[in-house]
Protein backbone atom coordinates (compact mmCIF):
# COMPACT_ATOMS: atom_id res chain seq x y z
CA MET A 1 -36.01 112.52 118.85
CA LYS A 2 -34.16 109.07 118.01
CA ILE A 3 -37.16 106.72 116.95
CA TYR A 4 -37.19 102.45 117.69
CA LYS A 5 -38.93 100.10 116.26
CA ASN A 6 -40.49 96.58 116.56
CA ALA A 7 -38.68 96.41 120.06
CA VAL A 8 -40.28 93.28 122.25
CA ILE A 9 -40.22 95.04 125.94
CA ASN A 10 -41.97 92.61 128.42
CA GLY A 11 -43.02 90.48 126.02
CA ALA A 12 -45.34 93.05 123.86
CA THR A 13 -44.06 94.62 120.21
CA VAL A 14 -44.04 98.13 120.73
CA ASP A 15 -42.02 101.27 119.34
CA PHE A 16 -40.09 103.80 121.86
CA GLY A 17 -38.39 107.08 121.43
CA VAL A 18 -35.27 108.35 122.84
CA GLU A 19 -34.37 112.18 123.28
CA ASN A 20 -31.50 114.28 125.32
CA GLY A 21 -30.78 111.07 126.81
CA ARG A 22 -34.13 110.22 128.15
CA PHE A 23 -36.55 107.59 127.16
CA ALA A 24 -39.58 110.11 125.71
CA PHE A 25 -42.45 107.30 124.61
CA VAL A 26 -43.00 103.86 124.75
CA GLY A 27 -45.89 102.44 122.33
CA PRO A 28 -47.25 102.78 118.59
CA THR A 29 -46.01 105.80 116.04
CA ASP A 30 -46.65 105.94 112.65
CA GLN A 31 -43.06 107.65 112.79
CA PRO A 32 -40.27 106.04 110.90
CA GLY A 33 -37.03 104.52 113.36
CA GLU A 34 -34.34 102.29 113.86
CA ASP A 35 -36.00 98.76 112.93
CA LEU A 36 -35.32 96.15 115.95
CA GLN A 37 -36.73 93.49 113.98
CA GLY A 38 -38.60 92.11 116.97
CA ARG A 39 -35.84 91.96 119.33
CA GLU A 40 -36.24 91.96 123.37
CA VAL A 41 -35.33 95.30 124.52
CA ILE A 42 -34.29 95.09 127.85
CA PRO A 43 -32.94 98.10 130.57
CA GLY A 44 -29.34 98.34 130.82
CA LEU A 45 -27.98 96.40 133.61
CA ILE A 46 -26.45 97.60 136.34
CA ASP A 47 -23.58 96.16 138.43
CA ILE A 48 -22.80 98.00 141.53
CA HIS A 49 -19.64 95.48 142.62
CA SER A 50 -17.11 94.88 140.09
CA HIS A 51 -13.50 94.92 140.44
CA GLY A 52 -12.24 93.77 137.68
CA CYS A 53 -12.19 92.33 134.11
CA VAL A 54 -10.31 91.72 130.70
CA GLY A 55 -6.88 91.83 132.89
CA ARG A 56 -7.66 95.04 134.36
CA ASP A 57 -8.67 96.25 138.16
CA ALA A 58 -10.10 99.22 139.33
CA MET A 59 -7.09 99.37 141.55
CA ASP A 60 -5.03 99.59 138.41
CA GLY A 61 -6.46 103.46 138.09
CA ALA A 62 -8.41 105.21 135.91
CA ALA A 63 -6.48 104.88 133.22
CA VAL A 64 -7.74 101.34 132.52
CA LEU A 65 -11.21 102.00 133.45
CA ASN A 66 -12.54 102.88 129.88
CA GLU A 67 -11.35 99.04 128.23
CA MET A 68 -13.19 97.31 131.18
CA SER A 69 -16.33 99.86 130.54
CA ARG A 70 -16.46 98.35 127.17
CA PHE A 71 -16.59 94.55 128.24
CA TYR A 72 -19.27 95.21 130.51
CA LEU A 73 -21.29 97.28 127.65
CA ARG A 74 -20.67 94.19 125.54
CA ASN A 75 -22.28 91.83 128.57
CA GLY A 76 -25.38 94.46 128.61
CA VAL A 77 -23.76 96.45 131.92
CA THR A 78 -24.52 100.35 131.17
CA ALA A 79 -23.38 101.38 134.26
CA TRP A 80 -21.26 100.25 136.74
CA TYR A 81 -19.52 101.51 140.26
CA PRO A 82 -15.46 100.41 140.32
CA THR A 83 -14.84 98.26 143.50
CA THR A 84 -12.03 98.96 145.26
CA MET A 85 -9.79 96.53 147.49
CA SER A 86 -8.41 97.21 151.17
CA ALA A 87 -5.63 99.24 150.91
CA PRO A 88 -3.49 102.04 152.23
CA ALA A 89 -4.98 105.29 152.68
CA ASP A 90 -2.84 106.97 150.30
CA VAL A 91 -3.36 104.22 147.61
CA LEU A 92 -7.09 104.45 148.02
CA ALA A 93 -6.86 108.04 147.59
CA ALA A 94 -5.16 107.80 144.37
CA VAL A 95 -7.59 105.40 142.70
CA THR A 96 -10.39 107.15 143.33
CA ALA A 97 -8.79 110.56 142.53
CA GLN A 98 -10.58 110.43 138.89
CA LEU A 99 -13.71 109.11 137.76
CA PRO A 100 -13.12 109.28 133.90
CA ALA A 101 -16.00 109.53 131.13
CA CYS A 102 -16.29 106.34 129.37
CA ASP A 103 -17.53 105.37 126.11
CA GLY A 104 -18.88 101.98 127.39
CA ALA A 105 -20.94 101.63 130.42
CA ALA A 106 -20.95 104.47 132.59
CA PRO A 107 -18.68 104.62 135.67
CA LEU A 108 -21.26 106.38 138.28
CA GLY A 109 -18.80 106.20 141.56
CA PHE A 110 -16.39 103.82 143.30
CA HIS A 111 -17.82 100.54 145.44
CA VAL A 112 -15.02 101.12 148.59
CA GLU A 113 -15.30 97.92 149.72
CA GLY A 114 -13.21 97.87 152.88
CA PRO A 115 -10.74 98.98 154.65
CA PHE A 116 -12.98 99.08 157.34
CA ILE A 117 -14.22 95.40 157.66
CA ASP A 118 -13.01 92.21 160.60
CA PRO A 119 -9.88 91.00 159.36
CA ALA A 120 -11.34 87.53 160.44
CA HIS A 121 -13.93 87.96 157.71
CA LYS A 122 -11.22 89.65 155.28
CA GLY A 123 -12.00 87.36 152.58
CA ALA A 124 -9.85 87.34 150.03
CA GLN A 125 -8.88 90.83 151.04
CA ALA A 126 -4.94 91.98 152.31
CA GLU A 127 -4.87 91.97 156.12
CA ALA A 128 -2.31 94.45 156.71
CA PRO A 129 -4.22 97.78 155.49
CA ILE A 130 -7.18 96.46 157.54
CA ARG A 131 -5.03 96.80 160.73
CA ALA A 132 -3.93 100.24 159.68
CA ALA A 133 -6.91 101.41 158.76
CA ARG A 134 -8.46 104.51 160.42
CA LEU A 135 -11.82 106.26 159.91
CA ALA A 136 -10.79 109.67 159.13
CA ASP A 137 -9.09 107.74 155.72
CA ALA A 138 -12.66 108.05 154.47
CA ALA A 139 -12.37 112.00 154.03
CA LEU A 140 -9.52 111.35 151.86
CA TRP A 141 -11.08 109.35 149.39
CA HIS A 142 -12.77 110.71 145.75
CA HIS A 143 -16.43 110.00 143.44
CA VAL A 144 -17.45 107.17 146.50
CA GLY A 145 -20.79 106.00 145.44
CA LEU A 146 -20.75 103.25 148.46
CA MET A 147 -18.80 101.61 150.96
CA THR A 148 -18.88 98.21 152.54
CA VAL A 149 -17.98 98.49 156.29
CA ALA A 150 -17.84 96.27 159.18
CA PRO A 151 -20.23 97.78 161.82
CA GLU A 152 -18.34 96.43 164.49
CA PHE A 153 -14.77 98.39 163.23
CA PRO A 154 -14.42 101.06 165.72
CA GLY A 155 -16.96 104.27 165.30
CA VAL A 156 -18.23 103.22 161.99
CA THR A 157 -21.75 102.79 163.08
CA LYS A 158 -21.70 106.28 164.61
CA ALA A 159 -19.79 107.52 161.58
CA ILE A 160 -22.52 106.15 159.32
CA SER A 161 -25.28 108.80 159.57
CA GLY A 162 -22.74 111.41 158.35
CA TRP A 163 -21.51 109.62 155.23
CA PRO A 164 -22.58 110.97 151.85
CA PHE A 165 -22.52 107.42 150.40
CA ARG A 166 -24.50 104.25 150.45
CA VAL A 167 -23.09 102.29 153.32
CA CYS A 168 -23.40 98.34 153.05
CA LEU A 169 -22.86 96.23 155.85
CA GLY A 170 -20.26 93.32 154.94
CA HIS A 171 -16.69 91.64 155.53
CA THR A 172 -17.84 91.14 159.37
CA GLY A 173 -18.73 89.03 162.42
CA CYS A 174 -20.98 91.05 164.03
CA ASP A 175 -24.30 90.01 165.76
CA TYR A 176 -27.90 90.87 165.52
CA GLU A 177 -27.93 93.85 167.86
CA THR A 178 -24.92 95.26 166.18
CA ALA A 179 -25.97 94.99 162.68
CA LEU A 180 -29.40 96.52 163.52
CA ALA A 181 -28.06 99.99 165.18
CA ALA A 182 -25.97 100.59 161.65
CA PHE A 183 -28.90 99.82 160.11
CA SER A 184 -30.74 102.24 162.19
CA ALA A 185 -27.73 104.92 161.92
CA GLY A 186 -28.71 104.95 157.94
CA ALA A 187 -26.80 101.52 156.27
CA VAL A 188 -28.80 100.23 153.28
CA CYS A 189 -27.35 97.06 151.96
CA VAL A 190 -25.20 93.47 152.96
CA THR A 191 -22.55 93.23 150.60
CA HIS A 192 -22.45 89.63 148.95
CA LEU A 193 -24.97 88.17 151.21
CA PHE A 194 -23.98 85.02 152.76
CA ASN A 195 -20.20 85.25 151.68
CA ALA A 196 -17.65 86.83 154.69
CA MET A 197 -20.06 86.63 157.49
CA PRO A 198 -21.79 84.37 160.14
CA ALA A 199 -24.14 82.33 158.86
CA LEU A 200 -27.43 82.48 159.73
CA HIS A 201 -28.41 80.59 163.53
CA HIS A 202 -31.39 80.11 165.06
CA ARG A 203 -30.42 81.33 167.94
CA ALA A 204 -27.84 83.93 166.51
CA PRO A 205 -29.61 85.42 163.39
CA GLY A 206 -26.28 87.74 163.10
CA LEU A 207 -26.48 90.11 160.10
CA ILE A 208 -28.65 88.42 157.90
CA GLY A 209 -31.36 88.09 160.18
CA ALA A 210 -30.93 91.83 160.86
CA ALA A 211 -31.10 92.58 157.27
CA VAL A 212 -34.45 90.73 157.07
CA GLN A 213 -35.74 92.37 160.11
CA ALA A 214 -34.42 96.27 158.61
CA GLY A 215 -35.77 95.42 154.99
CA ALA A 216 -32.59 95.94 153.96
CA TYR A 217 -30.84 95.51 150.23
CA VAL A 218 -28.76 92.46 150.19
CA GLN A 219 -26.42 91.97 147.12
CA VAL A 220 -26.15 88.45 145.82
CA ILE A 221 -23.42 86.55 143.85
CA ALA A 222 -25.22 83.96 141.99
CA ASP A 223 -22.51 82.79 139.64
CA GLY A 224 -23.56 79.11 140.73
CA LEU A 225 -19.66 79.22 142.58
CA HIS A 226 -20.51 81.28 145.74
CA LEU A 227 -23.93 80.11 146.58
CA HIS A 228 -25.64 77.07 146.08
CA PRO A 229 -28.67 77.40 143.74
CA ALA A 230 -30.98 77.16 146.76
CA THR A 231 -29.80 79.54 148.75
CA VAL A 232 -29.95 82.24 146.27
CA LEU A 233 -33.72 81.17 146.04
CA LEU A 234 -33.84 81.30 149.53
CA ALA A 235 -32.52 84.65 149.42
CA TYR A 236 -34.91 85.71 146.54
CA ARG A 237 -37.82 84.39 148.72
CA LEU A 238 -36.40 86.31 151.69
CA PHE A 239 -35.89 89.32 150.59
CA GLY A 240 -37.92 89.42 146.91
CA PRO A 241 -36.60 91.25 144.06
CA ASP A 242 -37.22 95.03 145.01
CA ARG A 243 -34.62 94.34 147.86
CA MET A 244 -32.35 91.44 146.32
CA ILE A 245 -29.47 92.86 143.84
CA LEU A 246 -27.20 90.71 141.77
CA ILE A 247 -23.63 91.67 141.43
CA SER A 248 -20.84 90.10 139.79
CA ASP A 249 -18.22 90.51 142.32
CA SER A 250 -15.52 89.79 139.29
CA MET A 251 -12.01 90.33 139.14
CA ARG A 252 -9.50 90.27 136.37
CA ALA A 253 -10.00 87.04 135.10
CA ALA A 254 -13.79 87.94 133.81
CA GLY A 255 -13.82 87.57 129.90
CA LEU A 256 -10.36 85.53 129.96
CA ASN A 257 -9.12 82.18 129.99
CA ASP A 258 -8.41 80.32 133.44
CA GLY A 259 -4.63 81.42 134.80
CA THR A 260 -2.83 83.07 137.75
CA TYR A 261 -4.11 86.77 138.46
CA ASP A 262 -3.74 89.34 140.94
CA LEU A 263 -6.49 90.68 143.34
CA GLY A 264 -5.37 93.30 145.45
CA GLY A 265 -1.83 92.41 146.01
CA GLN A 266 -2.65 88.35 146.99
CA THR A 267 -2.27 85.38 143.83
CA VAL A 268 -5.53 83.98 142.65
CA THR A 269 -5.68 80.96 140.71
CA VAL A 270 -8.32 80.31 138.42
CA ARG A 271 -9.53 76.97 137.57
CA ALA A 272 -13.18 76.26 135.23
CA GLY A 273 -13.79 79.67 135.52
CA LYS A 274 -13.61 79.50 140.11
CA ALA A 275 -11.14 81.70 141.23
CA THR A 276 -9.36 81.25 144.67
CA LEU A 277 -6.32 82.49 146.92
CA ALA A 278 -3.87 79.24 147.40
CA ASP A 279 -5.93 78.14 150.64
CA GLY A 280 -8.64 77.68 148.92
CA THR A 281 -10.74 81.24 149.78
CA LEU A 282 -13.06 82.20 147.25
CA ALA A 283 -11.49 85.86 145.44
CA GLY A 284 -14.09 87.22 143.69
CA SER A 285 -15.91 85.74 140.16
CA THR A 286 -15.05 85.39 137.33
CA ALA A 287 -19.01 86.19 135.97
CA THR A 288 -20.89 88.83 134.92
CA VAL A 289 -24.15 90.16 136.15
CA LEU A 290 -25.96 88.87 132.69
CA ALA A 291 -24.46 85.64 133.64
CA CYS A 292 -25.94 85.66 136.74
CA VAL A 293 -29.28 86.61 135.62
CA LYS A 294 -29.40 83.69 133.31
CA ASN A 295 -28.17 81.46 136.48
CA CYS A 296 -30.84 82.98 138.49
CA ILE A 297 -33.78 82.05 135.49
CA ALA A 298 -32.40 78.42 135.44
CA PHE A 299 -32.49 78.27 139.08
CA GLY A 300 -36.46 78.94 138.68
CA ILE A 301 -36.39 82.38 139.52
CA PRO A 302 -39.03 84.29 137.07
CA LYS A 303 -37.43 86.15 134.15
CA ALA A 304 -38.64 89.63 135.17
CA ASP A 305 -37.63 89.61 138.53
CA ALA A 306 -34.30 88.14 137.53
CA LEU A 307 -33.71 91.20 135.43
CA ARG A 308 -35.35 93.18 137.96
CA MET A 309 -32.83 92.26 140.20
CA ALA A 310 -30.08 93.85 137.73
CA THR A 311 -32.10 96.94 136.93
CA ALA A 312 -35.05 98.56 138.67
CA THR A 313 -33.24 97.54 142.09
CA PRO A 314 -29.81 98.25 142.17
CA ALA A 315 -31.30 101.50 140.44
CA ALA A 316 -33.47 102.50 143.34
CA MET A 317 -31.17 101.55 145.70
CA MET A 318 -28.76 103.93 144.75
CA GLY A 319 -30.92 106.86 143.91
CA LEU A 320 -30.78 106.80 139.89
CA ASN A 321 -33.08 107.54 137.41
CA LYS A 322 -32.43 104.35 135.58
CA GLY A 323 -33.32 100.88 136.07
CA ALA A 324 -36.62 100.73 133.56
CA ILE A 325 -38.02 101.35 130.06
CA ALA A 326 -40.01 104.09 131.07
CA PRO A 327 -41.16 107.74 129.88
CA GLY A 328 -38.63 110.17 131.72
CA LYS A 329 -36.09 107.50 133.07
CA ASP A 330 -32.67 107.61 131.47
CA ALA A 331 -32.33 106.04 127.86
CA ASP A 332 -30.07 103.23 129.20
CA PHE A 333 -31.06 99.70 126.99
CA VAL A 334 -29.97 96.86 125.78
CA VAL A 335 -30.84 95.04 122.63
CA MET A 336 -30.53 91.19 123.08
CA ASP A 337 -30.74 88.25 120.06
CA HIS A 338 -32.85 85.14 120.54
CA THR A 339 -30.08 83.47 122.59
CA PHE A 340 -30.31 86.41 125.40
CA THR A 341 -26.99 87.60 124.15
CA PRO A 342 -26.33 91.37 123.63
CA VAL A 343 -26.42 92.84 120.39
CA ALA A 344 -26.32 96.62 120.85
CA ALA A 345 -27.17 99.11 123.45
CA ALA A 346 -27.28 102.93 124.35
CA VAL A 347 -26.04 104.74 126.86
CA GLY A 348 -27.54 108.00 127.81
CA GLY A 349 -29.66 107.51 124.43
CA ARG A 350 -26.24 106.86 122.82
CA PHE A 351 -26.65 104.08 120.53
CA ALA A 352 -24.40 101.61 118.66
CA TRP A 353 -24.86 98.29 117.72
CA LEU A 354 -21.78 96.30 119.51
């Protein structure tokens, strides 16, 4: 058993032990161990929606995932879902064919975002593969952990109950009734709430109103660009920390400088950290989940809740044994310095100073 001493967890100084990749105990012990010297320890962050970083993209294939995983770990993420873009069926089959073990954050499955979406709400996605997509294509894809679909796409709502992965609704113009039917069929989440969907209207509540009614999870990009801080607070008050999930929706420029990048075959320009297509459409973010946690705290959300929305809540939605520092949970944790910056981390109990 590996013992860790003098950790600050939820405001209290405690010791904890890790054995066989899981937390064994949290509390005082006389046994010697790694002295964390009063540093704060948080559960590892979980990013269920990230396209890319450090010049790499999930669409580049398995060979780049380890480099990406190392970046995520340096930024407090211990588990993530590489997120694809709308593309021809054979391309997505090749991209999702392998899910390699990585020595940084653990990739747990692919988030297939499209192509079963509404072309009118495609955001920064390419339109041609959306027009050509068929529901049968989904059988060609591998290691899928979750998929984002538009419920008005022909046949989607009927297919949801038979799919063996979590289903999120997004990139859609659906009405309230269509969204409710999809949630009733088994959809569990809304992808990047408020973005790539109609606004909430008092006579046409749409997907957002249906998500409230259904008690769905919602993904929120709290980078300060996709949503006004007041809108982030609105989402928090509507859904609470047990249903709101912070995501990065990051693209290749995360961790790099401004410049020109590719996203799903489209040119993206990044200026002052803001990624857009030529027409001004937002094209993912350059943020990390940790940055979104810090933003939420700055917006007025309690720190414990901001952390929960990036740890326990995505773990609950995905059915993971993660997201908390408690006996029996997977030993994914991050050691922070006094500026709330990661200085060490463990994935499945494998500990290293960063």
